């Protein structure tokens, strides 16, 4: 039986996970089933007295040999897939390595500070007795979710993932708060380095910015040179804070109300989670001015993450205005603020 040796959460040693060896029982069973027709054929030929015929004997050796090669090859391919499918658990991320075909592997990774939910499913008496099962790790990032199948000691592994995730989020809170106000690169430099815009497009946008006073990000969005996802990722890189796909995130309703509606609409921001160290706030524009003014309104430290403004607006409407006939504050509140009002550099 496959055993998993756990490392201390403070250790950086990776934990390698594979499907339980009992997961090979199914291909082994089918390999045995595929041998049944060959055995029946041999018994039939022996019963009919044809097995001693030279031509029949030669055909039996040839056909039987090829058939055995096919069956063994089938089982070996299943074993290779079992052996090559690996999940690597590190204190800061989870790596999913899957064999798609014989010479094609897919490698994905998930940052554990964005893990939202970890679930364990053990189906059947055998799985419960031997303690292996499926683990589903849900992320707020673009990865969506990872499914770890037939993992030995599944509950212990899930607890370890949860422990790593909580520690990763806790360690990142102070770092995020300290670095958010110190952007190193300009937005245009980041977009060019990632090949999201061309130098000519950036020059044109900067010239328009000088004439109109609009923010660079708004100009590039209006001209459809970049997408909102491009802008969110670039802003996260500029201010050294995570970017978040808010459409995949399950917001904690209890924490939303800590921010007044007028602040949420003014800064296009919404609280999404609370930890002992800080309140996590998704914001469309993490500029020092916006984050500084918001932080000054709270006694609890705020940890910011960048998210798309449209998703933030939808969340504000859903949590603050659900069940109301009209928005509070009249036209001023309904108008809110846009990325242009906040400013994107």
C-alpha atoms as a PDB file:
ATOM      1  CA  UNK A   1       0.000   0.000   0.000  1.00  0.00           C
ATOM      2  CA  UNK A   2       1.293   3.452  -0.877  1.00  0.00           C
ATOM      3  CA  UNK A   3       2.231   5.517   2.165  1.00  0.00           C
ATOM      4  CA  UNK A   4       2.627   9.281   2.367  1.00  0.00           C
ATOM      5  CA  UNK A   5       5.291  10.745   4.611  1.00  0.00           C
ATOM      6  CA  UNK A   6       4.271  14.182   5.841  1.00  0.00           C
ATOM      7  CA  UNK A   7       6.664  17.034   6.350  1.00  0.00           C
ATOM      8  CA  UNK A   8       6.345  19.772   8.912  1.00  0.00           C
ATOM      9  CA  UNK A   9       4.449  22.791   7.501  1.00  0.00           C
ATOM     10  CA  UNK A  10       7.507  24.951   8.200  1.00  0.00           C
ATOM     11  CA  UNK A  11       9.684  22.736   6.012  1.00  0.00           C
ATOM     12  CA  UNK A  12      10.303  23.541   2.370  1.00  0.00           C
ATOM     13  CA  UNK A  13      10.682  19.875   1.406  1.00  0.00           C
ATOM     14  CA  UNK A  14       8.185  19.018  -1.358  1.00  0.00           C
ATOM     15  CA  UNK A  15       5.557  16.353  -0.809  1.00  0.00           C
ATOM     16  CA  UNK A  16       5.052  14.120  -3.871  1.00  0.00           C
ATOM     17  CA  UNK A  17       1.589  12.618  -4.268  1.00  0.00           C
ATOM     18  CA  UNK A  18       0.382   9.870  -6.613  1.00  0.00           C
ATOM     19  CA  UNK A  19      -2.821   7.951  -6.940  1.00  0.00           C
ATOM     20  CA  UNK A  20      -3.106   5.003  -4.568  1.00  0.00           C
ATOM     21  CA  UNK A  21      -1.607   1.781  -5.935  1.00  0.00           C
ATOM     22  CA  UNK A  22      -5.068   0.202  -5.656  1.00  0.00           C
ATOM     23  CA  UNK A  23      -6.064   2.508  -8.499  1.00  0.00           C
ATOM     24  CA  UNK A  24      -4.254  -0.017 -10.718  1.00  0.00           C
ATOM     25  CA  UNK A  25      -6.742  -2.763  -9.803  1.00  0.00           C
ATOM     26  CA  UNK A  26      -9.161  -1.673 -12.517  1.00  0.00           C
ATOM     27  CA  UNK A  27      -6.662  -1.903 -15.438  1.00  0.00           C
ATOM     28  CA  UNK A  28      -5.317  -5.161 -13.956  1.00  0.00           C
ATOM     29  CA  UNK A  29      -8.851  -6.594 -13.892  1.00  0.00           C
ATOM     30  CA  UNK A  30      -9.475  -5.605 -17.508  1.00  0.00           C
ATOM     31  CA  UNK A  31      -6.141  -7.109 -18.530  1.00  0.00           C
ATOM     32  CA  UNK A  32      -7.213 -10.424 -16.997  1.00  0.00           C
ATOM     33  CA  UNK A  33     -10.621 -10.180 -18.697  1.00  0.00           C
ATOM     34  CA  UNK A  34      -8.918  -9.631 -22.058  1.00  0.00           C
ATOM     35  CA  UNK A  35      -6.988 -12.892 -21.557  1.00  0.00           C
ATOM     36  CA  UNK A  36     -10.211 -14.906 -21.201  1.00  0.00           C
ATOM     37  CA  UNK A  37     -10.956 -15.126 -24.983  1.00  0.00           C
ATOM     38  CA  UNK A  38      -7.427 -16.423 -25.585  1.00  0.00           C
ATOM     39  CA  UNK A  39      -7.845 -19.116 -22.937  1.00  0.00           C
ATOM     40  CA  UNK A  40     -11.255 -20.109 -24.358  1.00  0.00           C
ATOM     41  CA  UNK A  41      -9.753 -20.394 -27.849  1.00  0.00           C
ATOM     42  CA  UNK A  42      -6.899 -22.585 -26.622  1.00  0.00           C
ATOM     43  CA  UNK A  43      -9.288 -24.871 -24.711  1.00  0.00           C
ATOM     44  CA  UNK A  44     -11.593 -25.143 -27.733  1.00  0.00           C
ATOM     45  CA  UNK A  45      -8.735 -26.088 -30.062  1.00  0.00           C
ATOM     46  CA  UNK A  46      -7.478 -28.641 -27.559  1.00  0.00           C
ATOM     47  CA  UNK A  47     -10.965 -30.131 -27.151  1.00  0.00           C
ATOM     48  CA  UNK A  48     -11.450 -30.409 -30.913  1.00  0.00           C
ATOM     49  CA  UNK A  49      -8.059 -32.094 -31.271  1.00  0.00           C
ATOM     50  CA  UNK A  50      -6.730 -29.375 -33.545  1.00  0.00           C
ATOM     51  CA  UNK A  51      -4.000 -28.116 -31.242  1.00  0.00           C
ATOM     52  CA  UNK A  52      -1.482 -30.708 -32.521  1.00  0.00           C
ATOM     53  CA  UNK A  53      -1.863 -29.679 -36.154  1.00  0.00           C
ATOM     54  CA  UNK A  54       1.385 -27.942 -37.262  1.00  0.00           C
ATOM     55  CA  UNK A  55      -0.409 -25.058 -38.986  1.00  0.00           C
ATOM     56  CA  UNK A  56      -2.773 -24.546 -36.052  1.00  0.00           C
ATOM     57  CA  UNK A  57       0.073 -24.739 -33.552  1.00  0.00           C
ATOM     58  CA  UNK A  58       2.075 -22.130 -35.485  1.00  0.00           C
ATOM     59  CA  UNK A  59      -0.976 -19.878 -35.698  1.00  0.00           C
ATOM     60  CA  UNK A  60      -1.619 -20.295 -31.980  1.00  0.00           C
ATOM     61  CA  UNK A  61       1.920 -19.230 -31.103  1.00  0.00           C
ATOM     62  CA  UNK A  62       1.799 -16.269 -33.482  1.00  0.00           C
ATOM     63  CA  UNK A  63      -1.678 -15.034 -32.568  1.00  0.00           C
ATOM     64  CA  UNK A  64      -1.289 -15.812 -28.863  1.00  0.00           C
ATOM     65  CA  UNK A  65       2.057 -14.029 -28.691  1.00  0.00           C
ATOM     66  CA  UNK A  66       0.721 -10.905 -30.387  1.00  0.00           C
ATOM     67  CA  UNK A  67      -2.359 -10.946 -28.184  1.00  0.00           C
ATOM     68  CA  UNK A  68      -0.254 -11.245 -25.034  1.00  0.00           C
ATOM     69  CA  UNK A  69       1.915  -8.332 -26.192  1.00  0.00           C
ATOM     70  CA  UNK A  70      -1.246  -6.260 -26.669  1.00  0.00           C
ATOM     71  CA  UNK A  71      -2.583  -7.095 -23.189  1.00  0.00           C
ATOM     72  CA  UNK A  72       0.747  -6.454 -21.471  1.00  0.00           C
ATOM     73  CA  UNK A  73       1.148  -3.199 -23.409  1.00  0.00           C
ATOM     74  CA  UNK A  74      -2.324  -2.097 -22.288  1.00  0.00           C
ATOM     75  CA  UNK A  75      -1.492  -2.661 -18.625  1.00  0.00           C
ATOM     76  CA  UNK A  76       1.956  -1.067 -18.914  1.00  0.00           C
ATOM     77  CA  UNK A  77       0.443   2.067 -20.463  1.00  0.00           C
ATOM     78  CA  UNK A  78      -1.962   2.326 -17.536  1.00  0.00           C
ATOM     79  CA  UNK A  79       0.943   1.917 -15.124  1.00  0.00           C
ATOM     80  CA  UNK A  80       2.942   4.631 -16.917  1.00  0.00           C
ATOM     81  CA  UNK A  81       0.019   7.046 -16.636  1.00  0.00           C
ATOM     82  CA  UNK A  82      -0.326   6.139 -12.953  1.00  0.00           C
ATOM     83  CA  UNK A  83       3.380   6.685 -12.307  1.00  0.00           C
ATOM     84  CA  UNK A  84       3.768   9.910 -14.318  1.00  0.00           C
ATOM     85  CA  UNK A  85       0.692  11.683 -12.893  1.00  0.00           C
ATOM     86  CA  UNK A  86       2.130  13.528  -9.901  1.00  0.00           C
ATOM     87  CA  UNK A  87       1.021  16.335  -7.599  1.00  0.00           C
ATOM     88  CA  UNK A  88       3.786  18.233  -5.807  1.00  0.00           C
ATOM     89  CA  UNK A  89       2.812  20.101  -2.647  1.00  0.00           C
ATOM     90  CA  UNK A  90       5.059  22.960  -1.529  1.00  0.00           C
ATOM     91  CA  UNK A  91       4.411  25.427   1.307  1.00  0.00           C
ATOM     92  CA  UNK A  92       3.555  28.177  -1.175  1.00  0.00           C
ATOM     93  CA  UNK A  93       2.059  26.347  -4.177  1.00  0.00           C
ATOM     94  CA  UNK A  94       0.552  23.127  -5.521  1.00  0.00           C
ATOM     95  CA  UNK A  95       1.893  21.716  -8.800  1.00  0.00           C
ATOM     96  CA  UNK A  96      -0.215  19.418 -10.993  1.00  0.00           C
ATOM     97  CA  UNK A  97       1.769  17.254 -13.458  1.00  0.00           C
ATOM     98  CA  UNK A  98      -0.420  15.161 -15.760  1.00  0.00           C
ATOM     99  CA  UNK A  99       0.542  12.846 -18.625  1.00  0.00           C
ATOM    100  CA  UNK A 100      -1.844  13.656 -21.487  1.00  0.00           C
ATOM    101  CA  UNK A 101      -0.297  11.233 -23.970  1.00  0.00           C
ATOM    102  CA  UNK A 102       2.941   9.280 -24.113  1.00  0.00           C
ATOM    103  CA  UNK A 103       5.079  12.305 -25.061  1.00  0.00           C
ATOM    104  CA  UNK A 104       2.820  15.104 -23.875  1.00  0.00           C
ATOM    105  CA  UNK A 105       2.756  16.323 -20.277  1.00  0.00           C
ATOM    106  CA  UNK A 106       0.764  19.199 -18.796  1.00  0.00           C
ATOM    107  CA  UNK A 107       2.164  21.109 -15.820  1.00  0.00           C
ATOM    108  CA  UNK A 108      -0.036  23.564 -13.887  1.00  0.00           C
ATOM    109  CA  UNK A 109       0.468  25.287 -10.577  1.00  0.00           C
ATOM    110  CA  UNK A 110      -1.743  26.995  -8.026  1.00  0.00           C
ATOM    111  CA  UNK A 111      -0.642  29.565  -5.462  1.00  0.00           C
ATOM    112  CA  UNK A 112      -1.837  28.409  -2.067  1.00  0.00           C
ATOM    113  CA  UNK A 113      -2.539  31.950  -0.876  1.00  0.00           C
ATOM    114  CA  UNK A 114      -5.476  31.951  -3.313  1.00  0.00           C
ATOM    115  CA  UNK A 115      -6.972  28.638  -2.156  1.00  0.00           C
ATOM    116  CA  UNK A 116     -10.614  29.127  -1.260  1.00  0.00           C
ATOM    117  CA  UNK A 117     -11.844  25.637  -0.430  1.00  0.00           C
ATOM    118  CA  UNK A 118     -10.415  22.134   0.082  1.00  0.00           C
ATOM    119  CA  UNK A 119     -12.800  19.175  -0.067  1.00  0.00           C
ATOM    120  CA  UNK A 120     -12.261  15.449   0.429  1.00  0.00           C
ATOM    121  CA  UNK A 121     -14.425  12.726  -1.092  1.00  0.00           C
ATOM    122  CA  UNK A 122     -14.075   9.069  -0.081  1.00  0.00           C
ATOM    123  CA  UNK A 123     -16.415   6.779  -1.978  1.00  0.00           C
ATOM    124  CA  UNK A 124     -16.906   3.140  -1.048  1.00  0.00           C
ATOM    125  CA  UNK A 125     -16.007   0.888   1.846  1.00  0.00           C
ATOM    126  CA  UNK A 126     -12.510   0.123   0.523  1.00  0.00           C
ATOM    127  CA  UNK A 127     -11.616   3.807   0.223  1.00  0.00           C
ATOM    128  CA  UNK A 128     -12.851   4.501   3.749  1.00  0.00           C
ATOM    129  CA  UNK A 129     -10.957   1.561   5.241  1.00  0.00           C
ATOM    130  CA  UNK A 130      -7.676   2.269   3.468  1.00  0.00           C
ATOM    131  CA  UNK A 131      -8.128   6.056   3.747  1.00  0.00           C
ATOM    132  CA  UNK A 132      -7.686   7.151   0.154  1.00  0.00           C
ATOM    133  CA  UNK A 133      -9.937   9.518  -1.744  1.00  0.00           C
ATOM    134  CA  UNK A 134     -10.279  12.497  -4.062  1.00  0.00           C
ATOM    135  CA  UNK A 135      -9.230  16.005  -3.008  1.00  0.00           C
ATOM    136  CA  UNK A 136     -10.690  19.064  -4.758  1.00  0.00           C
ATOM    137  CA  UNK A 137      -8.750  22.296  -4.248  1.00  0.00           C
ATOM    138  CA  UNK A 138     -10.703  25.400  -5.320  1.00  0.00           C
ATOM    139  CA  UNK A 139      -8.732  28.536  -6.179  1.00  0.00           C
ATOM    140  CA  UNK A 140      -9.796  32.137  -6.628  1.00  0.00           C
ATOM    141  CA  UNK A 141      -7.205  32.441  -9.394  1.00  0.00           C
ATOM    142  CA  UNK A 142      -7.453  31.512 -13.050  1.00  0.00           C
ATOM    143  CA  UNK A 143      -6.556  27.890 -12.283  1.00  0.00           C
ATOM    144  CA  UNK A 144     -10.126  27.268 -11.136  1.00  0.00           C
ATOM    145  CA  UNK A 145      -9.626  24.004  -9.272  1.00  0.00           C
ATOM    146  CA  UNK A 146      -7.279  21.034  -9.067  1.00  0.00           C
ATOM    147  CA  UNK A 147      -8.597  17.531  -8.500  1.00  0.00           C
ATOM    148  CA  UNK A 148      -6.201  15.114  -6.818  1.00  0.00           C
ATOM    149  CA  UNK A 149      -7.569  11.622  -7.465  1.00  0.00           C
ATOM    150  CA  UNK A 150      -7.258   8.531  -5.256  1.00  0.00           C
ATOM    151  CA  UNK A 151      -4.753  10.135  -2.883  1.00  0.00           C
ATOM    152  CA  UNK A 152      -3.538   8.029   0.075  1.00  0.00           C
ATOM    153  CA  UNK A 153      -4.276   9.564   3.490  1.00  0.00           C
ATOM    154  CA  UNK A 154      -6.538  12.049   1.726  1.00  0.00           C
ATOM    155  CA  UNK A 155      -7.805  13.811   4.851  1.00  0.00           C
ATOM    156  CA  UNK A 156      -4.290  14.356   6.186  1.00  0.00           C
ATOM    157  CA  UNK A 157      -3.173  15.748   2.828  1.00  0.00           C
ATOM    158  CA  UNK A 158      -6.197  18.063   2.717  1.00  0.00           C
ATOM    159  CA  UNK A 159      -5.406  19.316   6.232  1.00  0.00           C
ATOM    160  CA  UNK A 160      -1.811  19.968   5.174  1.00  0.00           C
ATOM    161  CA  UNK A 161      -2.956  21.931   2.100  1.00  0.00           C
ATOM    162  CA  UNK A 162      -5.268  23.992   4.308  1.00  0.00           C
ATOM    163  CA  UNK A 163      -2.449  24.621   6.781  1.00  0.00           C
ATOM    164  CA  UNK A 164      -0.065  25.733   4.022  1.00  0.00           C
ATOM    165  CA  UNK A 165      -2.770  27.941   2.527  1.00  0.00           C
ATOM    166  CA  UNK A 166      -3.540  29.719   5.798  1.00  0.00           C
ATOM    167  CA  UNK A 167       0.147  30.242   6.529  1.00  0.00           C
ATOM    168  CA  UNK A 168       0.815  31.548   3.018  1.00  0.00           C
ATOM    169  CA  UNK A 169      -2.031  34.067   3.266  1.00  0.00           C
ATOM    170  CA  UNK A 170      -0.914  35.163   6.732  1.00  0.00           C
ATOM    171  CA  UNK A 171       2.694  35.697   5.667  1.00  0.00           C
ATOM    172  CA  UNK A 172       1.622  37.666   2.622  1.00  0.00           C
ATOM    173  CA  UNK A 173      -0.567  40.174   4.446  1.00  0.00           C
ATOM    174  CA  UNK A 174       2.230  42.299   5.913  1.00  0.00           C
ATOM    175  CA  UNK A 175       4.309  42.088   2.737  1.00  0.00           C
ATOM    176  CA  UNK A 176       1.369  43.238   0.609  1.00  0.00           C
ATOM    177  CA  UNK A 177       0.590  46.116   2.940  1.00  0.00           C
ATOM    178  CA  UNK A 178       4.218  47.261   2.966  1.00  0.00           C
ATOM    179  CA  UNK A 179       4.776  47.108  -0.785  1.00  0.00           C
ATOM    180  CA  UNK A 180       1.481  48.397  -2.153  1.00  0.00           C
ATOM    181  CA  UNK A 181       2.523  52.060  -1.946  1.00  0.00           C
ATOM    182  CA  UNK A 182       5.894  51.608  -3.637  1.00  0.00           C
ATOM    183  CA  UNK A 183       5.410  50.892  -7.351  1.00  0.00           C
ATOM    184  CA  UNK A 184       8.741  50.275  -9.061  1.00  0.00           C
ATOM    185  CA  UNK A 185       7.738  50.332 -12.736  1.00  0.00           C
ATOM    186  CA  UNK A 186       5.305  52.437 -14.692  1.00  0.00           C
ATOM    187  CA  UNK A 187       2.224  50.801 -16.143  1.00  0.00           C
ATOM    188  CA  UNK A 188       3.389  51.408 -19.714  1.00  0.00           C
ATOM    189  CA  UNK A 189       6.739  49.723 -19.054  1.00  0.00           C
ATOM    190  CA  UNK A 190       4.997  46.656 -17.656  1.00  0.00           C
ATOM    191  CA  UNK A 191       2.586  46.407 -20.599  1.00  0.00           C
ATOM    192  CA  UNK A 192       5.450  46.646 -23.108  1.00  0.00           C
ATOM    193  CA  UNK A 193       7.590  44.103 -21.241  1.00  0.00           C
ATOM    194  CA  UNK A 194       4.673  41.654 -21.373  1.00  0.00           C
ATOM    195  CA  UNK A 195       4.043  42.452 -25.053  1.00  0.00           C
ATOM    196  CA  UNK A 196       0.504  43.591 -24.289  1.00  0.00           C
ATOM    197  CA  UNK A 197       1.022  46.867 -26.178  1.00  0.00           C
ATOM    198  CA  UNK A 198       3.434  48.002 -28.864  1.00  0.00           C
ATOM    199  CA  UNK A 199       5.749  50.999 -28.354  1.00  0.00           C
ATOM    200  CA  UNK A 200       3.836  52.912 -31.036  1.00  0.00           C
ATOM    201  CA  UNK A 201       0.484  52.280 -29.315  1.00  0.00           C
ATOM    202  CA  UNK A 202       1.937  53.380 -25.995  1.00  0.00           C
ATOM    203  CA  UNK A 203       3.397  56.556 -27.521  1.00  0.00           C
ATOM    204  CA  UNK A 204       0.033  57.386 -29.084  1.00  0.00           C
ATOM    205  CA  UNK A 205      -1.771  56.778 -25.780  1.00  0.00           C
ATOM    206  CA  UNK A 206       0.712  58.936 -23.854  1.00  0.00           C
ATOM    207  CA  UNK A 207       0.239  61.781 -26.322  1.00  0.00           C
ATOM    208  CA  UNK A 208      -3.523  61.525 -25.884  1.00  0.00           C
ATOM    209  CA  UNK A 209      -3.053  61.467 -22.128  1.00  0.00           C
ATOM    210  CA  UNK A 210      -1.165  64.772 -22.269  1.00  0.00           C
ATOM    211  CA  UNK A 211      -3.964  66.353 -24.285  1.00  0.00           C
ATOM    212  CA  UNK A 212      -6.994  64.982 -22.449  1.00  0.00           C
ATOM    213  CA  UNK A 213      -5.726  64.316 -18.939  1.00  0.00           C
ATOM    214  CA  UNK A 214      -7.199  60.809 -19.005  1.00  0.00           C
ATOM    215  CA  UNK A 215      -5.401  58.015 -17.283  1.00  0.00           C
ATOM    216  CA  UNK A 216      -3.274  55.722 -19.418  1.00  0.00           C
ATOM    217  CA  UNK A 217      -5.174  52.549 -18.557  1.00  0.00           C
ATOM    218  CA  UNK A 218      -8.524  54.102 -19.498  1.00  0.00           C
ATOM    219  CA  UNK A 219      -7.175  55.277 -22.867  1.00  0.00           C
ATOM    220  CA  UNK A 220      -5.819  51.827 -23.725  1.00  0.00           C
ATOM    221  CA  UNK A 221      -9.089  50.185 -22.655  1.00  0.00           C
ATOM    222  CA  UNK A 222     -11.226  52.601 -24.664  1.00  0.00           C
ATOM    223  CA  UNK A 223      -9.153  51.915 -27.765  1.00  0.00           C
ATOM    224  CA  UNK A 224      -9.373  48.151 -27.108  1.00  0.00           C
ATOM    225  CA  UNK A 225      -5.593  47.876 -27.208  1.00  0.00           C
ATOM    226  CA  UNK A 226      -5.607  45.888 -23.966  1.00  0.00           C
ATOM    227  CA  UNK A 227      -8.260  43.840 -22.198  1.00  0.00           C
ATOM    228  CA  UNK A 228      -9.485  44.355 -18.658  1.00  0.00           C
ATOM    229  CA  UNK A 229      -7.702  41.167 -17.662  1.00  0.00           C
ATOM    230  CA  UNK A 230      -4.446  42.570 -19.064  1.00  0.00           C
ATOM    231  CA  UNK A 231      -4.946  45.752 -17.043  1.00  0.00           C
ATOM    232  CA  UNK A 232      -5.729  43.882 -13.823  1.00  0.00           C
ATOM    233  CA  UNK A 233      -2.599  41.735 -14.126  1.00  0.00           C
ATOM    234  CA  UNK A 234      -0.418  44.727 -15.004  1.00  0.00           C
ATOM    235  CA  UNK A 235      -1.716  46.754 -12.046  1.00  0.00           C
ATOM    236  CA  UNK A 236      -1.067  43.834  -9.721  1.00  0.00           C
ATOM    237  CA  UNK A 237       2.490  43.605 -11.029  1.00  0.00           C
ATOM    238  CA  UNK A 238       2.990  47.367 -10.763  1.00  0.00           C
ATOM    239  CA  UNK A 239       1.949  47.549  -7.114  1.00  0.00           C
ATOM    240  CA  UNK A 240       3.224  44.070  -6.164  1.00  0.00           C
ATOM    241  CA  UNK A 241      -0.126  42.745  -5.008  1.00  0.00           C
ATOM    242  CA  UNK A 242      -2.125  39.725  -6.208  1.00  0.00           C
ATOM    243  CA  UNK A 243      -4.616  39.949  -9.042  1.00  0.00           C
ATOM    244  CA  UNK A 244      -7.886  38.109  -8.512  1.00  0.00           C
ATOM    245  CA  UNK A 245     -10.638  36.711 -10.737  1.00  0.00           C
ATOM    246  CA  UNK A 246     -13.544  37.877  -8.574  1.00  0.00           C
ATOM    247  CA  UNK A 247     -16.050  35.865 -10.628  1.00  0.00           C
ATOM    248  CA  UNK A 248     -14.555  32.681  -9.136  1.00  0.00           C
ATOM    249  CA  UNK A 249     -14.338  33.977  -5.583  1.00  0.00           C
ATOM    250  CA  UNK A 250     -16.944  33.252  -2.923  1.00  0.00           C
ATOM    251  CA  UNK A 251     -17.174  36.530  -1.018  1.00  0.00           C
ATOM    252  CA  UNK A 252     -17.864  36.349   2.721  1.00  0.00           C
ATOM    253  CA  UNK A 253     -21.187  38.242   3.180  1.00  0.00           C
ATOM    254  CA  UNK A 254     -20.367  39.001   6.815  1.00  0.00           C
ATOM    255  CA  UNK A 255     -17.247  40.976   5.948  1.00  0.00           C
ATOM    256  CA  UNK A 256     -18.790  43.072   3.154  1.00  0.00           C
ATOM    257  CA  UNK A 257     -20.714  45.325   5.543  1.00  0.00           C
ATOM    258  CA  UNK A 258     -17.574  46.562   7.303  1.00  0.00           C
ATOM    259  CA  UNK A 259     -17.158  49.008   4.404  1.00  0.00           C
ATOM    260  CA  UNK A 260     -19.885  51.637   3.904  1.00  0.00           C
ATOM    261  CA  UNK A 261     -21.653  51.693   0.556  1.00  0.00           C
ATOM    262  CA  UNK A 262     -20.371  55.163  -0.354  1.00  0.00           C
ATOM    263  CA  UNK A 263     -16.745  54.114   0.161  1.00  0.00           C
ATOM    264  CA  UNK A 264     -17.259  50.944  -1.873  1.00  0.00           C
ATOM    265  CA  UNK A 265     -18.681  52.862  -4.842  1.00  0.00           C
ATOM    266  CA  UNK A 266     -16.215  55.753  -4.563  1.00  0.00           C
ATOM    267  CA  UNK A 267     -13.140  53.543  -4.738  1.00  0.00           C
ATOM    268  CA  UNK A 268     -14.629  50.580  -6.661  1.00  0.00           C
ATOM    269  CA  UNK A 269     -13.622  48.332  -3.786  1.00  0.00           C
ATOM    270  CA  UNK A 270     -15.289  45.608  -1.752  1.00  0.00           C
ATOM    271  CA  UNK A 271     -14.141  43.536   1.259  1.00  0.00           C
ATOM    272  CA  UNK A 272     -14.034  39.848   0.365  1.00  0.00           C
ATOM    273  CA  UNK A 273     -12.473  38.039   3.343  1.00  0.00           C
ATOM    274  CA  UNK A 274     -11.254  38.537   6.890  1.00  0.00           C
ATOM    275  CA  UNK A 275      -8.327  36.950   8.700  1.00  0.00           C
ATOM    276  CA  UNK A 276      -6.934  37.608  12.180  1.00  0.00           C
ATOM    277  CA  UNK A 277      -4.307  39.867  10.598  1.00  0.00           C
ATOM    278  CA  UNK A 278      -6.289  41.928   8.078  1.00  0.00           C
ATOM    279  CA  UNK A 279      -9.371  42.447   5.933  1.00  0.00           C
ATOM    280  CA  UNK A 280      -8.798  41.523   2.297  1.00  0.00           C
ATOM    281  CA  UNK A 281     -10.222  44.125  -0.098  1.00  0.00           C
ATOM    282  CA  UNK A 282     -10.625  43.733  -3.862  1.00  0.00           C
ATOM    283  CA  UNK A 283     -10.029  47.082  -5.562  1.00  0.00           C
ATOM    284  CA  UNK A 284     -10.006  48.215  -9.182  1.00  0.00           C
ATOM    285  CA  UNK A 285      -7.299  50.848  -8.728  1.00  0.00           C
ATOM    286  CA  UNK A 286      -4.642  50.078  -6.097  1.00  0.00           C
ATOM    287  CA  UNK A 287      -2.935  53.474  -6.366  1.00  0.00           C
ATOM    288  CA  UNK A 288      -1.254  54.817  -3.200  1.00  0.00           C
ATOM    289  CA  UNK A 289      -3.887  57.548  -2.946  1.00  0.00           C
ATOM    290  CA  UNK A 290      -6.855  55.170  -3.126  1.00  0.00           C
ATOM    291  CA  UNK A 291      -5.413  52.499  -0.830  1.00  0.00           C
ATOM    292  CA  UNK A 292      -4.110  55.083   1.623  1.00  0.00           C
ATOM    293  CA  UNK A 293      -7.445  56.879   1.904  1.00  0.00           C
ATOM    294  CA  UNK A 294      -9.293  53.590   2.322  1.00  0.00           C
ATOM    295  CA  UNK A 295      -6.859  52.291   4.938  1.00  0.00           C
ATOM    296  CA  UNK A 296      -7.296  55.489   6.940  1.00  0.00           C
ATOM    297  CA  UNK A 297     -11.008  54.662   7.349  1.00  0.00           C
ATOM    298  CA  UNK A 298     -10.360  51.399   9.207  1.00  0.00           C
ATOM    299  CA  UNK A 299      -8.692  50.432  12.449  1.00  0.00           C
ATOM    300  CA  UNK A 300      -8.034  46.936  11.081  1.00  0.00           C
ATOM    301  CA  UNK A 301      -5.209  46.625   8.506  1.00  0.00           C
ATOM    302  CA  UNK A 302      -6.344  46.169   4.900  1.00  0.00           C
ATOM    303  CA  UNK A 303      -4.702  43.764   2.440  1.00  0.00           C
ATOM    304  CA  UNK A 304      -5.483  44.739  -1.143  1.00  0.00           C
ATOM    305  CA  UNK A 305      -5.886  42.620  -4.254  1.00  0.00           C
ATOM    306  CA  UNK A 306      -6.609  43.881  -7.780  1.00  0.00           C
ATOM    307  CA  UNK A 307      -9.826  42.772  -9.496  1.00  0.00           C
ATOM    308  CA  UNK A 308     -11.812  43.765 -12.564  1.00  0.00           C
ATOM    309  CA  UNK A 309     -14.014  46.822 -11.973  1.00  0.00           C
ATOM    310  CA  UNK A 310     -17.086  45.247 -13.614  1.00  0.00           C
ATOM    311  CA  UNK A 311     -16.982  42.257 -11.250  1.00  0.00           C
ATOM    312  CA  UNK A 312     -16.511  44.593  -8.289  1.00  0.00           C
ATOM    313  CA  UNK A 313     -19.518  46.670  -9.412  1.00  0.00           C
ATOM    314  CA  UNK A 314     -21.638  43.534  -9.735  1.00  0.00           C
ATOM    315  CA  UNK A 315     -20.602  42.409  -6.254  1.00  0.00           C
ATOM    316  CA  UNK A 316     -21.398  45.837  -4.784  1.00  0.00           C
ATOM    317  CA  UNK A 317     -24.831  45.758  -6.404  1.00  0.00           C
ATOM    318  CA  UNK A 318     -25.493  42.212  -5.228  1.00  0.00           C
ATOM    319  CA  UNK A 319     -24.431  42.679  -1.611  1.00  0.00           C
ATOM    320  CA  UNK A 320     -25.414  46.280  -0.901  1.00  0.00           C
ATOM    321  CA  UNK A 321     -28.487  46.815  -3.075  1.00  0.00           C
ATOM    322  CA  UNK A 322     -30.138  43.381  -3.101  1.00  0.00           C
ATOM    323  CA  UNK A 323     -33.836  43.743  -2.261  1.00  0.00           C
ATOM    324  CA  UNK A 324     -33.897  47.532  -2.572  1.00  0.00           C
ATOM    325  CA  UNK A 325     -36.104  49.400  -4.995  1.00  0.00           C
ATOM    326  CA  UNK A 326     -33.508  52.097  -5.612  1.00  0.00           C
ATOM    327  CA  UNK A 327     -29.919  52.784  -4.744  1.00  0.00           C
ATOM    328  CA  UNK A 328     -29.182  54.877  -1.685  1.00  0.00           C
ATOM    329  CA  UNK A 329     -27.948  58.383  -2.178  1.00  0.00           C
ATOM    330  CA  UNK A 330     -29.870  59.068  -5.419  1.00  0.00           C
ATOM    331  CA  UNK A 331     -28.094  59.812  -8.668  1.00  0.00           C
ATOM    332  CA  UNK A 332     -24.721  60.417  -7.045  1.00  0.00           C
ATOM    333  CA  UNK A 333     -24.609  56.905  -5.584  1.00  0.00           C
ATOM    334  CA  UNK A 334     -25.897  55.194  -8.691  1.00  0.00           C
ATOM    335  CA  UNK A 335     -23.331  56.929 -10.826  1.00  0.00           C
ATOM    336  CA  UNK A 336     -20.442  55.684  -8.679  1.00  0.00           C
ATOM    337  CA  UNK A 337     -16.893  56.040  -9.917  1.00  0.00           C
ATOM    338  CA  UNK A 338     -15.095  54.531 -12.840  1.00  0.00           C
ATOM    339  CA  UNK A 339     -11.481  53.662 -13.502  1.00  0.00           C
ATOM    340  CA  UNK A 340     -11.193  57.091 -15.104  1.00  0.00           C
ATOM    341  CA  UNK A 341     -12.419  58.778 -11.913  1.00  0.00           C
ATOM    342  CA  UNK A 342      -9.963  56.798  -9.817  1.00  0.00           C
ATOM    343  CA  UNK A 343      -7.037  57.156 -12.175  1.00  0.00           C
ATOM    344  CA  UNK A 344      -4.894  54.445 -13.671  1.00  0.00           C
ATOM    345  CA  UNK A 345      -1.222  55.035 -14.156  1.00  0.00           C
END
